[in-house]
Amino acid sequence: MSDTSQDDWATDVAPPPKNKGLPSWLLFCGGGCLIFFVLAVIGIFLLVDSFKDMANPEAQWSALEESIPMDARPNEMRMAMGFSIMGTETWTMAHDSGYMVMIIKNDGASQEEREEVFGGNAASAGIPGLSEINEHSAGTVMVQGRDLPVARFKSQSMGQGAQQGCFVDITPEGEAGMVLFYIFTDGRSKGDTTVTDEFVTEILKPFLI
């Protein structure tokens, strides 16, 4: 008879799977596509209390300030909505420049998920017949003394013009998970305007990176 202890048995138990959050194909399909998906899901759960403050700017600014450190609320950004879904917290803001901004926070994101956004074959994130990814490039940008990973791309979705998109990894140093700062165009204005390093540096000034 084996003398294996209860402690030994415990080591054989596989840890629970991590919360993967929003899939990479959804992130790359464009800001409008992502917002449409979220609204569709929220439409199913309209009576759930957790969504009651989704479009309440004060409630969402307070939630963002608790999650992302900042000097002060940026006057040039207007909160549109915030929500938490599939283990991911997301805030959407309109910027005075004409760009839209999303902050996407997933504490359970893995290194593999980060590599899906900032490397690999981003074109595969498109949805055949619905969206496609072009001109993907990855690099870094210096912001507040940190070299931050950046991914730029152009997305084309059904019913939308071409959208320029830019992901910036603003995950705090030494912390697990992933925090994405997503800058994108609306497909009408600035559709062919690349998001520059200078603009990334400027738009991130209010946030403590």
N, C-alpha and C. Protein backbone atom coordinates (compact mmCIF):
# COMPACT_ATOMS: atom_id res chain seq x y z
N MET A 1 0.85 -1.20 0.00
CA MET A 1 0.00 0.00 0.00
C MET A 1 0.88 1.24 0.00
N SER A 2 0.52 2.22 -0.85
CA SER A 2 1.34 3.42 -0.94
C SER A 2 1.15 4.28 0.29
N ASP A 3 2.25 4.94 0.71
CA ASP A 3 2.16 5.82 1.88
C ASP A 3 2.09 7.28 1.44
N THR A 4 1.60 7.50 0.19
CA THR A 4 1.47 8.87 -0.31
C THR A 4 0.56 9.68 0.58
N SER A 5 1.00 10.84 0.98
CA SER A 5 0.22 11.67 1.89
C SER A 5 -0.79 12.50 1.13
N GLN A 6 -1.72 13.11 1.89
CA GLN A 6 -2.70 14.00 1.28
C GLN A 6 -2.03 15.16 0.56
N ASP A 7 -0.90 15.63 1.13
CA ASP A 7 -0.19 16.75 0.51
C ASP A 7 0.33 16.38 -0.86
N ASP A 8 0.81 15.10 -1.01
CA ASP A 8 1.32 14.65 -2.29
C ASP A 8 0.21 14.64 -3.34
N TRP A 9 -0.98 14.18 -2.90
CA TRP A 9 -2.10 14.16 -3.84
C TRP A 9 -2.43 15.57 -4.31
N ALA A 10 -2.33 16.53 -3.40
CA ALA A 10 -2.71 17.90 -3.74
C ALA A 10 -1.84 18.49 -4.85
N THR A 11 -0.56 18.03 -4.89
CA THR A 11 0.35 18.58 -5.89
C THR A 11 0.01 18.10 -7.29
N ASP A 12 -0.80 17.03 -7.40
CA ASP A 12 -1.17 16.50 -8.70
C ASP A 12 -2.39 17.19 -9.30
N VAL A 13 -3.02 18.05 -8.54
CA VAL A 13 -4.22 18.71 -9.02
C VAL A 13 -3.84 19.89 -9.91
N ALA A 14 -4.36 19.90 -11.12
CA ALA A 14 -4.02 20.97 -12.06
C ALA A 14 -4.65 22.28 -11.62
N PRO A 15 -3.91 23.39 -11.76
CA PRO A 15 -4.49 24.68 -11.37
C PRO A 15 -5.63 25.05 -12.31
N PRO A 16 -6.59 25.86 -11.84
CA PRO A 16 -7.70 26.26 -12.70
C PRO A 16 -7.20 27.10 -13.86
N PRO A 17 -7.84 26.98 -15.02
CA PRO A 17 -7.39 27.77 -16.18
C PRO A 17 -7.56 29.25 -15.94
N LYS A 18 -6.65 30.04 -16.52
CA LYS A 18 -6.72 31.49 -16.39
C LYS A 18 -7.88 32.04 -17.19
N ASN A 19 -8.39 33.18 -16.73
CA ASN A 19 -9.43 33.89 -17.45
C ASN A 19 -8.80 34.55 -18.67
N LYS A 20 -9.14 34.11 -19.88
CA LYS A 20 -8.45 34.61 -21.05
C LYS A 20 -8.92 35.98 -21.50
N GLY A 21 -10.11 36.39 -21.07
CA GLY A 21 -10.57 37.72 -21.45
C GLY A 21 -10.97 37.78 -22.91
N LEU A 22 -10.98 38.99 -23.47
CA LEU A 22 -11.42 39.17 -24.85
C LEU A 22 -10.42 38.54 -25.82
N PRO A 23 -10.89 37.80 -26.83
CA PRO A 23 -9.98 37.16 -27.79
C PRO A 23 -9.28 38.20 -28.66
N SER A 24 -8.07 37.85 -29.13
CA SER A 24 -7.29 38.81 -29.90
C SER A 24 -7.97 39.19 -31.20
N TRP A 25 -8.72 38.26 -31.83
CA TRP A 25 -9.38 38.61 -33.09
C TRP A 25 -10.38 39.73 -32.88
N LEU A 26 -11.00 39.78 -31.69
CA LEU A 26 -11.97 40.83 -31.41
C LEU A 26 -11.27 42.17 -31.20
N LEU A 27 -10.11 42.16 -30.57
CA LEU A 27 -9.36 43.40 -30.39
C LEU A 27 -8.95 43.99 -31.73
N PHE A 28 -8.53 43.14 -32.66
CA PHE A 28 -8.01 43.62 -33.93
C PHE A 28 -9.09 43.96 -34.95
N CYS A 29 -10.34 43.61 -34.67
CA CYS A 29 -11.36 43.84 -35.70
C CYS A 29 -11.80 45.28 -35.76
N GLY A 30 -11.22 46.14 -34.93
CA GLY A 30 -11.51 47.57 -34.99
C GLY A 30 -12.36 48.03 -33.83
N GLY A 31 -12.17 49.30 -33.44
CA GLY A 31 -12.88 49.82 -32.28
C GLY A 31 -14.39 49.72 -32.44
N GLY A 32 -14.91 50.05 -33.63
CA GLY A 32 -16.35 49.98 -33.84
C GLY A 32 -16.87 48.57 -33.72
N CYS A 33 -16.12 47.61 -34.24
CA CYS A 33 -16.52 46.21 -34.17
C CYS A 33 -16.54 45.73 -32.72
N LEU A 34 -15.50 46.12 -31.96
CA LEU A 34 -15.41 45.73 -30.55
C LEU A 34 -16.58 46.31 -29.76
N ILE A 35 -16.87 47.59 -29.98
CA ILE A 35 -17.97 48.22 -29.26
C ILE A 35 -19.30 47.56 -29.64
N PHE A 36 -19.48 47.24 -30.93
CA PHE A 36 -20.71 46.57 -31.36
C PHE A 36 -20.88 45.24 -30.66
N PHE A 37 -19.79 44.47 -30.56
CA PHE A 37 -19.84 43.17 -29.89
C PHE A 37 -20.26 43.33 -28.43
N VAL A 38 -19.63 44.29 -27.77
CA VAL A 38 -19.93 44.52 -26.36
C VAL A 38 -21.39 44.93 -26.16
N LEU A 39 -21.87 45.84 -27.00
CA LEU A 39 -23.25 46.28 -26.87
C LEU A 39 -24.23 45.14 -27.13
N ALA A 40 -23.86 44.24 -28.06
CA ALA A 40 -24.71 43.09 -28.33
C ALA A 40 -24.81 42.19 -27.11
N VAL A 41 -23.66 41.96 -26.46
CA VAL A 41 -23.67 41.13 -25.25
C VAL A 41 -24.44 41.82 -24.13
N ILE A 42 -24.21 43.12 -23.98
CA ILE A 42 -24.89 43.88 -22.93
C ILE A 42 -26.40 43.89 -23.17
N GLY A 43 -26.79 43.91 -24.44
CA GLY A 43 -28.21 43.89 -24.75
C GLY A 43 -28.92 42.66 -24.20
N ILE A 44 -28.18 41.57 -24.07
CA ILE A 44 -28.75 40.34 -23.54
C ILE A 44 -28.94 40.43 -22.04
N PHE A 45 -28.12 41.26 -21.39
CA PHE A 45 -28.12 41.34 -19.93
C PHE A 45 -28.54 42.73 -19.43
N LEU A 46 -29.48 43.36 -20.13
CA LEU A 46 -29.85 44.72 -19.77
C LEU A 46 -30.36 44.86 -18.34
N LEU A 47 -30.89 43.79 -17.77
CA LEU A 47 -31.46 43.88 -16.44
C LEU A 47 -30.45 43.60 -15.34
N VAL A 48 -29.22 43.30 -15.71
CA VAL A 48 -28.20 42.97 -14.72
C VAL A 48 -27.65 44.27 -14.12
N ASP A 49 -27.59 44.33 -12.78
CA ASP A 49 -27.17 45.55 -12.09
C ASP A 49 -25.78 46.02 -12.48
N SER A 50 -24.90 45.07 -12.83
CA SER A 50 -23.50 45.43 -13.10
C SER A 50 -23.37 46.35 -14.31
N PHE A 51 -24.41 46.46 -15.14
CA PHE A 51 -24.33 47.30 -16.33
C PHE A 51 -25.03 48.64 -16.15
N LYS A 52 -25.61 48.88 -14.97
CA LYS A 52 -26.43 50.08 -14.81
C LYS A 52 -25.60 51.37 -14.92
N ASP A 53 -24.31 51.31 -14.56
CA ASP A 53 -23.48 52.51 -14.61
C ASP A 53 -22.59 52.56 -15.84
N MET A 54 -22.87 51.71 -16.82
CA MET A 54 -22.01 51.60 -17.99
C MET A 54 -21.79 52.96 -18.68
N ALA A 55 -22.87 53.74 -18.83
CA ALA A 55 -22.77 55.02 -19.53
C ALA A 55 -22.77 56.20 -18.57
N ASN A 56 -22.47 55.96 -17.30
CA ASN A 56 -22.39 57.02 -16.31
C ASN A 56 -20.94 57.52 -16.24
N PRO A 57 -20.64 58.70 -16.82
CA PRO A 57 -19.25 59.16 -16.88
C PRO A 57 -18.57 59.23 -15.52
N GLU A 58 -19.26 59.76 -14.52
CA GLU A 58 -18.64 59.91 -13.20
C GLU A 58 -18.29 58.55 -12.60
N ALA A 59 -19.20 57.60 -12.73
CA ALA A 59 -18.95 56.26 -12.20
C ALA A 59 -17.78 55.60 -12.92
N GLN A 60 -17.69 55.79 -14.24
CA GLN A 60 -16.63 55.15 -15.01
C GLN A 60 -15.28 55.84 -14.79
N TRP A 61 -15.26 57.17 -14.65
CA TRP A 61 -14.00 57.84 -14.33
C TRP A 61 -13.49 57.37 -12.97
N SER A 62 -14.38 57.22 -12.01
CA SER A 62 -13.97 56.75 -10.68
C SER A 62 -13.40 55.34 -10.76
N ALA A 63 -14.05 54.47 -11.54
CA ALA A 63 -13.56 53.09 -11.69
C ALA A 63 -12.20 53.08 -12.39
N LEU A 64 -12.03 53.95 -13.40
CA LEU A 64 -10.75 54.00 -14.12
C LEU A 64 -9.64 54.50 -13.20
N GLU A 65 -9.92 55.51 -12.40
CA GLU A 65 -8.92 56.06 -11.48
C GLU A 65 -8.47 55.03 -10.45
N GLU A 66 -9.37 54.11 -10.09
CA GLU A 66 -9.00 53.06 -9.15
C GLU A 66 -8.10 52.01 -9.80
N SER A 67 -8.22 51.86 -11.11
CA SER A 67 -7.47 50.82 -11.82
C SER A 67 -6.19 51.32 -12.47
N ILE A 68 -6.21 52.57 -12.98
CA ILE A 68 -5.07 53.12 -13.71
C ILE A 68 -4.65 54.43 -13.05
N PRO A 69 -3.44 54.52 -12.50
CA PRO A 69 -3.02 55.77 -11.85
C PRO A 69 -2.88 56.91 -12.85
N MET A 70 -3.32 58.11 -12.45
CA MET A 70 -3.21 59.28 -13.32
C MET A 70 -3.05 60.53 -12.45
N ASP A 71 -2.45 61.56 -13.05
CA ASP A 71 -2.28 62.82 -12.34
C ASP A 71 -3.63 63.49 -12.11
N ALA A 72 -4.43 63.55 -13.16
CA ALA A 72 -5.75 64.17 -13.10
C ALA A 72 -6.54 63.69 -14.31
N ARG A 73 -7.84 63.81 -14.25
CA ARG A 73 -8.65 63.43 -15.40
C ARG A 73 -8.33 64.34 -16.58
N PRO A 74 -7.97 63.77 -17.71
CA PRO A 74 -7.61 64.61 -18.86
C PRO A 74 -8.81 65.35 -19.42
N ASN A 75 -8.72 66.67 -19.51
CA ASN A 75 -9.83 67.48 -20.01
C ASN A 75 -10.13 67.21 -21.47
N GLU A 76 -9.12 66.71 -22.20
CA GLU A 76 -9.30 66.49 -23.63
C GLU A 76 -9.96 65.14 -23.94
N MET A 77 -10.29 64.37 -22.92
CA MET A 77 -10.95 63.09 -23.12
C MET A 77 -12.33 63.11 -22.47
N ARG A 78 -13.33 62.63 -23.20
CA ARG A 78 -14.70 62.54 -22.69
C ARG A 78 -15.08 61.08 -22.56
N MET A 79 -15.43 60.67 -21.36
CA MET A 79 -15.79 59.27 -21.11
C MET A 79 -17.09 58.94 -21.83
N ALA A 80 -17.06 57.88 -22.63
CA ALA A 80 -18.26 57.42 -23.34
C ALA A 80 -18.94 56.30 -22.60
N MET A 81 -18.16 55.26 -22.20
CA MET A 81 -18.72 54.16 -21.45
C MET A 81 -17.62 53.28 -20.90
N GLY A 82 -17.98 52.47 -19.96
CA GLY A 82 -17.06 51.48 -19.40
C GLY A 82 -17.83 50.23 -19.07
N PHE A 83 -17.14 49.11 -19.06
CA PHE A 83 -17.81 47.85 -18.77
C PHE A 83 -16.79 46.80 -18.36
N SER A 84 -17.27 45.74 -17.77
CA SER A 84 -16.43 44.60 -17.41
C SER A 84 -17.10 43.36 -17.98
N ILE A 85 -16.35 42.62 -18.81
CA ILE A 85 -16.91 41.45 -19.47
C ILE A 85 -15.82 40.43 -19.75
N MET A 86 -16.11 39.17 -19.55
CA MET A 86 -15.18 38.08 -19.85
C MET A 86 -13.83 38.28 -19.15
N GLY A 87 -13.87 38.80 -17.92
CA GLY A 87 -12.63 39.00 -17.16
C GLY A 87 -11.83 40.20 -17.58
N THR A 88 -12.41 41.07 -18.42
CA THR A 88 -11.70 42.23 -18.93
C THR A 88 -12.47 43.50 -18.60
N GLU A 89 -11.75 44.51 -18.08
CA GLU A 89 -12.35 45.83 -17.85
C GLU A 89 -11.96 46.73 -19.01
N THR A 90 -12.93 47.49 -19.51
CA THR A 90 -12.68 48.35 -20.67
C THR A 90 -13.36 49.69 -20.49
N TRP A 91 -12.64 50.75 -20.86
CA TRP A 91 -13.19 52.11 -20.86
C TRP A 91 -12.98 52.72 -22.24
N THR A 92 -14.00 53.40 -22.76
CA THR A 92 -13.94 54.04 -24.07
C THR A 92 -14.11 55.54 -23.91
N MET A 93 -13.22 56.31 -24.54
CA MET A 93 -13.25 57.77 -24.44
C MET A 93 -13.07 58.40 -25.82
N ALA A 94 -13.69 59.55 -26.00
CA ALA A 94 -13.49 60.35 -27.21
C ALA A 94 -12.46 61.42 -26.91
N HIS A 95 -11.46 61.55 -27.78
CA HIS A 95 -10.39 62.53 -27.59
C HIS A 95 -10.64 63.73 -28.48
N ASP A 96 -10.30 64.92 -28.00
CA ASP A 96 -10.54 66.15 -28.75
C ASP A 96 -9.87 66.16 -30.11
N SER A 97 -8.83 65.36 -30.28
CA SER A 97 -8.10 65.31 -31.55
C SER A 97 -8.91 64.65 -32.66
N GLY A 98 -9.99 63.95 -32.30
CA GLY A 98 -10.76 63.21 -33.28
C GLY A 98 -10.54 61.71 -33.19
N TYR A 99 -9.55 61.29 -32.41
CA TYR A 99 -9.31 59.87 -32.19
C TYR A 99 -10.22 59.35 -31.07
N MET A 100 -10.42 58.05 -31.06
CA MET A 100 -11.08 57.37 -29.95
C MET A 100 -10.01 56.64 -29.15
N VAL A 101 -10.26 56.46 -27.87
CA VAL A 101 -9.30 55.80 -26.98
C VAL A 101 -10.03 54.72 -26.18
N MET A 102 -9.40 53.57 -26.07
CA MET A 102 -9.91 52.52 -25.19
C MET A 102 -8.78 52.08 -24.27
N ILE A 103 -9.10 51.86 -23.01
CA ILE A 103 -8.16 51.25 -22.08
C ILE A 103 -8.73 49.88 -21.74
N ILE A 104 -7.94 48.84 -22.00
CA ILE A 104 -8.39 47.46 -21.85
C ILE A 104 -7.50 46.77 -20.82
N LYS A 105 -8.08 46.34 -19.70
CA LYS A 105 -7.30 45.79 -18.60
C LYS A 105 -7.76 44.37 -18.30
N ASN A 106 -6.81 43.44 -18.37
CA ASN A 106 -7.10 42.04 -18.07
C ASN A 106 -6.01 41.52 -17.15
N ASP A 107 -6.32 41.38 -15.87
CA ASP A 107 -5.32 40.94 -14.89
C ASP A 107 -4.88 39.50 -15.11
N GLY A 108 -5.67 38.72 -15.83
CA GLY A 108 -5.32 37.31 -16.04
C GLY A 108 -4.66 37.02 -17.37
N ALA A 109 -4.33 38.06 -18.15
CA ALA A 109 -3.74 37.84 -19.47
C ALA A 109 -2.36 37.20 -19.35
N SER A 110 -2.03 36.34 -20.30
CA SER A 110 -0.76 35.63 -20.30
C SER A 110 0.23 36.29 -21.26
N GLN A 111 1.48 35.84 -21.18
CA GLN A 111 2.50 36.33 -22.11
C GLN A 111 2.14 35.97 -23.54
N GLU A 112 1.51 34.81 -23.73
CA GLU A 112 1.11 34.39 -25.06
C GLU A 112 0.08 35.35 -25.65
N GLU A 113 -0.84 35.82 -24.82
CA GLU A 113 -1.85 36.77 -25.29
C GLU A 113 -1.21 38.10 -25.67
N ARG A 114 -0.21 38.52 -24.90
CA ARG A 114 0.50 39.76 -25.23
C ARG A 114 1.20 39.61 -26.58
N GLU A 115 1.79 38.45 -26.83
CA GLU A 115 2.50 38.23 -28.08
C GLU A 115 1.54 38.20 -29.27
N GLU A 116 0.28 37.80 -29.04
CA GLU A 116 -0.71 37.82 -30.12
C GLU A 116 -0.97 39.25 -30.59
N VAL A 117 -0.88 40.20 -29.67
CA VAL A 117 -1.15 41.60 -30.00
C VAL A 117 0.07 42.28 -30.59
N PHE A 118 1.25 42.02 -30.02
CA PHE A 118 2.44 42.78 -30.39
C PHE A 118 3.40 42.03 -31.30
N GLY A 119 3.07 40.82 -31.67
CA GLY A 119 3.95 40.07 -32.57
C GLY A 119 3.14 39.03 -33.31
N GLY A 120 3.84 38.11 -33.94
CA GLY A 120 3.16 37.03 -34.63
C GLY A 120 2.47 37.50 -35.90
N ASN A 121 1.52 36.71 -36.35
CA ASN A 121 0.82 36.99 -37.59
C ASN A 121 -0.50 37.70 -37.28
N ALA A 122 -0.47 39.01 -37.14
CA ALA A 122 -1.67 39.77 -36.77
C ALA A 122 -2.73 39.68 -37.85
N ALA A 123 -2.32 39.45 -39.09
CA ALA A 123 -3.30 39.38 -40.17
C ALA A 123 -4.31 38.26 -39.93
N SER A 124 -3.89 37.22 -39.20
CA SER A 124 -4.77 36.09 -38.93
C SER A 124 -5.88 36.47 -37.95
N ALA A 125 -5.76 37.66 -37.31
CA ALA A 125 -6.79 38.10 -36.38
C ALA A 125 -8.03 38.60 -37.10
N GLY A 126 -7.95 38.81 -38.41
CA GLY A 126 -9.12 39.25 -39.16
C GLY A 126 -10.16 38.14 -39.25
N ILE A 127 -11.40 38.53 -39.54
CA ILE A 127 -12.49 37.57 -39.69
C ILE A 127 -12.84 37.50 -41.16
N PRO A 128 -12.59 36.36 -41.82
CA PRO A 128 -12.84 36.26 -43.26
C PRO A 128 -14.25 36.73 -43.64
N GLY A 129 -14.31 37.64 -44.60
CA GLY A 129 -15.59 38.15 -45.06
C GLY A 129 -16.13 39.32 -44.24
N LEU A 130 -15.55 39.56 -43.07
CA LEU A 130 -16.04 40.62 -42.20
C LEU A 130 -14.99 41.70 -41.93
N SER A 131 -13.75 41.27 -41.72
CA SER A 131 -12.71 42.25 -41.42
C SER A 131 -11.36 41.71 -41.86
N GLU A 132 -10.44 42.61 -42.10
CA GLU A 132 -9.07 42.20 -42.43
C GLU A 132 -8.09 43.18 -41.83
N ILE A 133 -6.89 42.68 -41.52
CA ILE A 133 -5.84 43.47 -40.89
C ILE A 133 -4.72 43.68 -41.90
N ASN A 134 -4.30 44.94 -42.07
CA ASN A 134 -3.22 45.26 -43.00
C ASN A 134 -2.19 46.14 -42.30
N GLU A 135 -0.99 46.17 -42.88
CA GLU A 135 0.07 47.11 -42.47
C GLU A 135 0.39 47.01 -40.98
N HIS A 136 0.39 45.80 -40.45
CA HIS A 136 0.73 45.62 -39.04
C HIS A 136 2.23 45.80 -38.83
N SER A 137 2.60 46.57 -37.83
CA SER A 137 4.01 46.71 -37.48
C SER A 137 4.12 46.84 -35.96
N ALA A 138 5.20 46.31 -35.43
CA ALA A 138 5.42 46.33 -33.99
C ALA A 138 6.74 47.03 -33.68
N GLY A 139 6.80 47.71 -32.57
CA GLY A 139 8.01 48.41 -32.16
C GLY A 139 7.90 48.86 -30.72
N THR A 140 8.57 49.93 -30.37
CA THR A 140 8.49 50.48 -29.03
C THR A 140 8.43 52.00 -29.11
N VAL A 141 7.95 52.62 -28.03
CA VAL A 141 7.94 54.08 -27.93
C VAL A 141 8.33 54.44 -26.51
N MET A 142 9.17 55.48 -26.37
CA MET A 142 9.61 55.92 -25.05
C MET A 142 8.57 56.87 -24.46
N VAL A 143 8.02 56.47 -23.32
CA VAL A 143 7.01 57.28 -22.63
C VAL A 143 7.39 57.36 -21.15
N GLN A 144 7.61 58.56 -20.67
CA GLN A 144 7.92 58.79 -19.26
C GLN A 144 9.07 57.89 -18.77
N GLY A 145 10.08 57.74 -19.63
CA GLY A 145 11.26 56.98 -19.25
C GLY A 145 11.15 55.48 -19.43
N ARG A 146 10.01 55.01 -19.94
CA ARG A 146 9.83 53.57 -20.18
C ARG A 146 9.72 53.29 -21.67
N ASP A 147 10.34 52.20 -22.11
CA ASP A 147 10.20 51.72 -23.48
C ASP A 147 8.96 50.83 -23.53
N LEU A 148 7.89 51.31 -24.16
CA LEU A 148 6.63 50.58 -24.18
C LEU A 148 6.43 49.89 -25.53
N PRO A 149 6.03 48.62 -25.53
CA PRO A 149 5.71 47.95 -26.79
C PRO A 149 4.52 48.63 -27.48
N VAL A 150 4.63 48.76 -28.80
CA VAL A 150 3.58 49.40 -29.61
C VAL A 150 3.30 48.52 -30.82
N ALA A 151 2.02 48.40 -31.18
CA ALA A 151 1.63 47.72 -32.41
C ALA A 151 0.68 48.62 -33.17
N ARG A 152 1.03 48.89 -34.44
CA ARG A 152 0.17 49.72 -35.29
C ARG A 152 -0.37 48.85 -36.42
N PHE A 153 -1.58 49.17 -36.86
CA PHE A 153 -2.19 48.39 -37.93
C PHE A 153 -3.34 49.17 -38.55
N LYS A 154 -3.80 48.69 -39.69
CA LYS A 154 -5.00 49.23 -40.32
C LYS A 154 -6.02 48.11 -40.41
N SER A 155 -7.22 48.38 -39.96
CA SER A 155 -8.28 47.37 -40.03
C SER A 155 -9.39 47.86 -40.95
N GLN A 156 -9.98 46.93 -41.66
CA GLN A 156 -11.10 47.23 -42.55
C GLN A 156 -12.22 46.27 -42.19
N SER A 157 -13.34 46.81 -41.70
CA SER A 157 -14.47 45.98 -41.31
C SER A 157 -15.67 46.31 -42.17
N MET A 158 -16.58 45.34 -42.30
CA MET A 158 -17.78 45.53 -43.09
C MET A 158 -18.57 46.72 -42.55
N GLY A 159 -18.94 47.64 -43.42
CA GLY A 159 -19.73 48.78 -43.01
C GLY A 159 -18.92 49.92 -42.43
N GLN A 160 -17.60 49.78 -42.35
CA GLN A 160 -16.74 50.82 -41.81
C GLN A 160 -15.67 51.18 -42.84
N GLY A 161 -15.19 52.42 -42.76
CA GLY A 161 -14.03 52.78 -43.53
C GLY A 161 -12.79 52.19 -42.89
N ALA A 162 -11.64 52.39 -43.50
CA ALA A 162 -10.40 51.89 -42.94
C ALA A 162 -10.12 52.61 -41.62
N GLN A 163 -9.74 51.83 -40.62
CA GLN A 163 -9.41 52.38 -39.31
C GLN A 163 -7.94 52.18 -39.01
N GLN A 164 -7.25 53.26 -38.65
CA GLN A 164 -5.89 53.14 -38.15
C GLN A 164 -5.98 52.81 -36.66
N GLY A 165 -5.22 51.83 -36.23
CA GLY A 165 -5.23 51.45 -34.83
C GLY A 165 -3.83 51.39 -34.26
N CYS A 166 -3.71 51.63 -32.97
CA CYS A 166 -2.42 51.57 -32.29
C CYS A 166 -2.63 51.06 -30.88
N PHE A 167 -1.99 49.92 -30.56
CA PHE A 167 -1.98 49.39 -29.20
C PHE A 167 -0.69 49.80 -28.51
N VAL A 168 -0.79 50.26 -27.28
CA VAL A 168 0.38 50.56 -26.46
C VAL A 168 0.25 49.74 -25.17
N ASP A 169 1.29 49.01 -24.83
CA ASP A 169 1.29 48.19 -23.62
C ASP A 169 1.70 49.06 -22.43
N ILE A 170 0.72 49.43 -21.59
CA ILE A 170 1.02 50.28 -20.42
C ILE A 170 0.93 49.48 -19.13
N THR A 171 1.10 48.16 -19.22
CA THR A 171 1.07 47.32 -18.02
C THR A 171 2.14 47.79 -17.03
N PRO A 172 1.77 48.05 -15.77
CA PRO A 172 2.78 48.49 -14.79
C PRO A 172 3.93 47.49 -14.69
N GLU A 173 5.13 48.00 -14.52
CA GLU A 173 6.31 47.14 -14.43
C GLU A 173 6.17 46.18 -13.25
N GLY A 174 6.48 44.92 -13.49
CA GLY A 174 6.47 43.91 -12.44
C GLY A 174 5.11 43.34 -12.12
N GLU A 175 4.06 43.80 -12.82
CA GLU A 175 2.71 43.29 -12.55
C GLU A 175 2.30 42.29 -13.61
N ALA A 176 1.47 41.32 -13.19
CA ALA A 176 0.96 40.31 -14.12
C ALA A 176 -0.21 40.89 -14.92
N GLY A 177 -0.64 40.13 -15.92
CA GLY A 177 -1.76 40.57 -16.74
C GLY A 177 -1.31 41.53 -17.81
N MET A 178 -2.27 42.31 -18.33
CA MET A 178 -1.97 43.22 -19.43
C MET A 178 -2.93 44.41 -19.38
N VAL A 179 -2.37 45.60 -19.59
CA VAL A 179 -3.18 46.81 -19.73
C VAL A 179 -2.84 47.42 -21.08
N LEU A 180 -3.83 47.49 -21.96
CA LEU A 180 -3.63 48.04 -23.30
C LEU A 180 -4.24 49.43 -23.39
N PHE A 181 -3.50 50.35 -24.00
CA PHE A 181 -4.01 51.67 -24.35
C PHE A 181 -4.21 51.62 -25.85
N TYR A 182 -5.46 51.70 -26.30
CA TYR A 182 -5.81 51.48 -27.70
C TYR A 182 -6.30 52.80 -28.30
N ILE A 183 -5.58 53.30 -29.30
CA ILE A 183 -5.95 54.53 -30.00
C ILE A 183 -6.43 54.14 -31.40
N PHE A 184 -7.60 54.62 -31.80
CA PHE A 184 -8.07 54.24 -33.13
C PHE A 184 -8.91 55.36 -33.74
N THR A 185 -9.03 55.33 -35.06
CA THR A 185 -9.82 56.32 -35.78
C THR A 185 -11.23 55.78 -35.97
N ASP A 186 -12.12 56.68 -36.39
CA ASP A 186 -13.51 56.26 -36.56
C ASP A 186 -13.82 55.78 -37.98
N GLY A 187 -12.81 55.70 -38.84
CA GLY A 187 -13.03 55.22 -40.19
C GLY A 187 -13.49 56.31 -41.15
N ARG A 188 -13.76 57.49 -40.63
CA ARG A 188 -14.18 58.60 -41.48
C ARG A 188 -13.12 59.71 -41.45
N SER A 189 -12.85 60.25 -40.27
CA SER A 189 -11.77 61.23 -40.15
C SER A 189 -10.49 60.50 -39.76
N LYS A 190 -9.37 60.95 -40.27
CA LYS A 190 -8.06 60.41 -39.95
C LYS A 190 -7.91 58.94 -40.35
N GLY A 191 -8.71 58.46 -41.27
CA GLY A 191 -8.66 57.05 -41.64
C GLY A 191 -7.33 56.61 -42.20
N ASP A 192 -6.58 57.53 -42.80
CA ASP A 192 -5.28 57.19 -43.38
C ASP A 192 -4.14 57.85 -42.62
N THR A 193 -4.40 58.28 -41.39
CA THR A 193 -3.39 58.96 -40.59
C THR A 193 -2.81 58.01 -39.55
N THR A 194 -1.52 57.71 -39.68
CA THR A 194 -0.85 56.82 -38.73
C THR A 194 -0.72 57.51 -37.38
N VAL A 195 -0.92 56.76 -36.32
CA VAL A 195 -0.75 57.29 -34.97
C VAL A 195 0.75 57.38 -34.69
N THR A 196 1.27 58.58 -34.53
CA THR A 196 2.71 58.80 -34.41
C THR A 196 3.19 58.58 -32.97
N ASP A 197 4.51 58.39 -32.83
CA ASP A 197 5.11 58.29 -31.49
C ASP A 197 4.84 59.56 -30.68
N GLU A 198 4.92 60.70 -31.35
CA GLU A 198 4.71 61.98 -30.66
C GLU A 198 3.30 62.07 -30.09
N PHE A 199 2.33 61.59 -30.86
CA PHE A 199 0.95 61.64 -30.37
C PHE A 199 0.75 60.67 -29.21
N VAL A 200 1.36 59.49 -29.31
CA VAL A 200 1.27 58.52 -28.21
C VAL A 200 1.83 59.12 -26.92
N THR A 201 3.00 59.76 -27.03
CA THR A 201 3.62 60.39 -25.86
C THR A 201 2.72 61.47 -25.27
N GLU A 202 2.11 62.28 -26.15
CA GLU A 202 1.26 63.38 -25.71
C GLU A 202 -0.02 62.88 -25.05
N ILE A 203 -0.66 61.90 -25.66
CA ILE A 203 -1.96 61.44 -25.18
C ILE A 203 -1.84 60.68 -23.85
N LEU A 204 -0.63 60.15 -23.58
CA LEU A 204 -0.42 59.40 -22.34
C LEU A 204 0.06 60.28 -21.17
N LYS A 205 0.25 61.57 -21.41
CA LYS A 205 0.77 62.45 -20.38
C LYS A 205 -0.02 62.42 -19.06
N PRO A 206 -1.36 62.39 -19.11
CA PRO A 206 -2.09 62.42 -17.84
C PRO A 206 -1.95 61.15 -17.00
N PHE A 207 -1.49 60.05 -17.63
CA PHE A 207 -1.43 58.76 -16.96
C PHE A 207 -0.03 58.51 -16.42
N LEU A 208 0.06 57.91 -15.25
CA LEU A 208 1.35 57.62 -14.62
C LEU A 208 1.86 56.29 -15.14
N ILE A 209 2.75 56.36 -16.13
CA ILE A 209 3.26 55.18 -16.79
C ILE A 209 4.50 54.67 -16.08
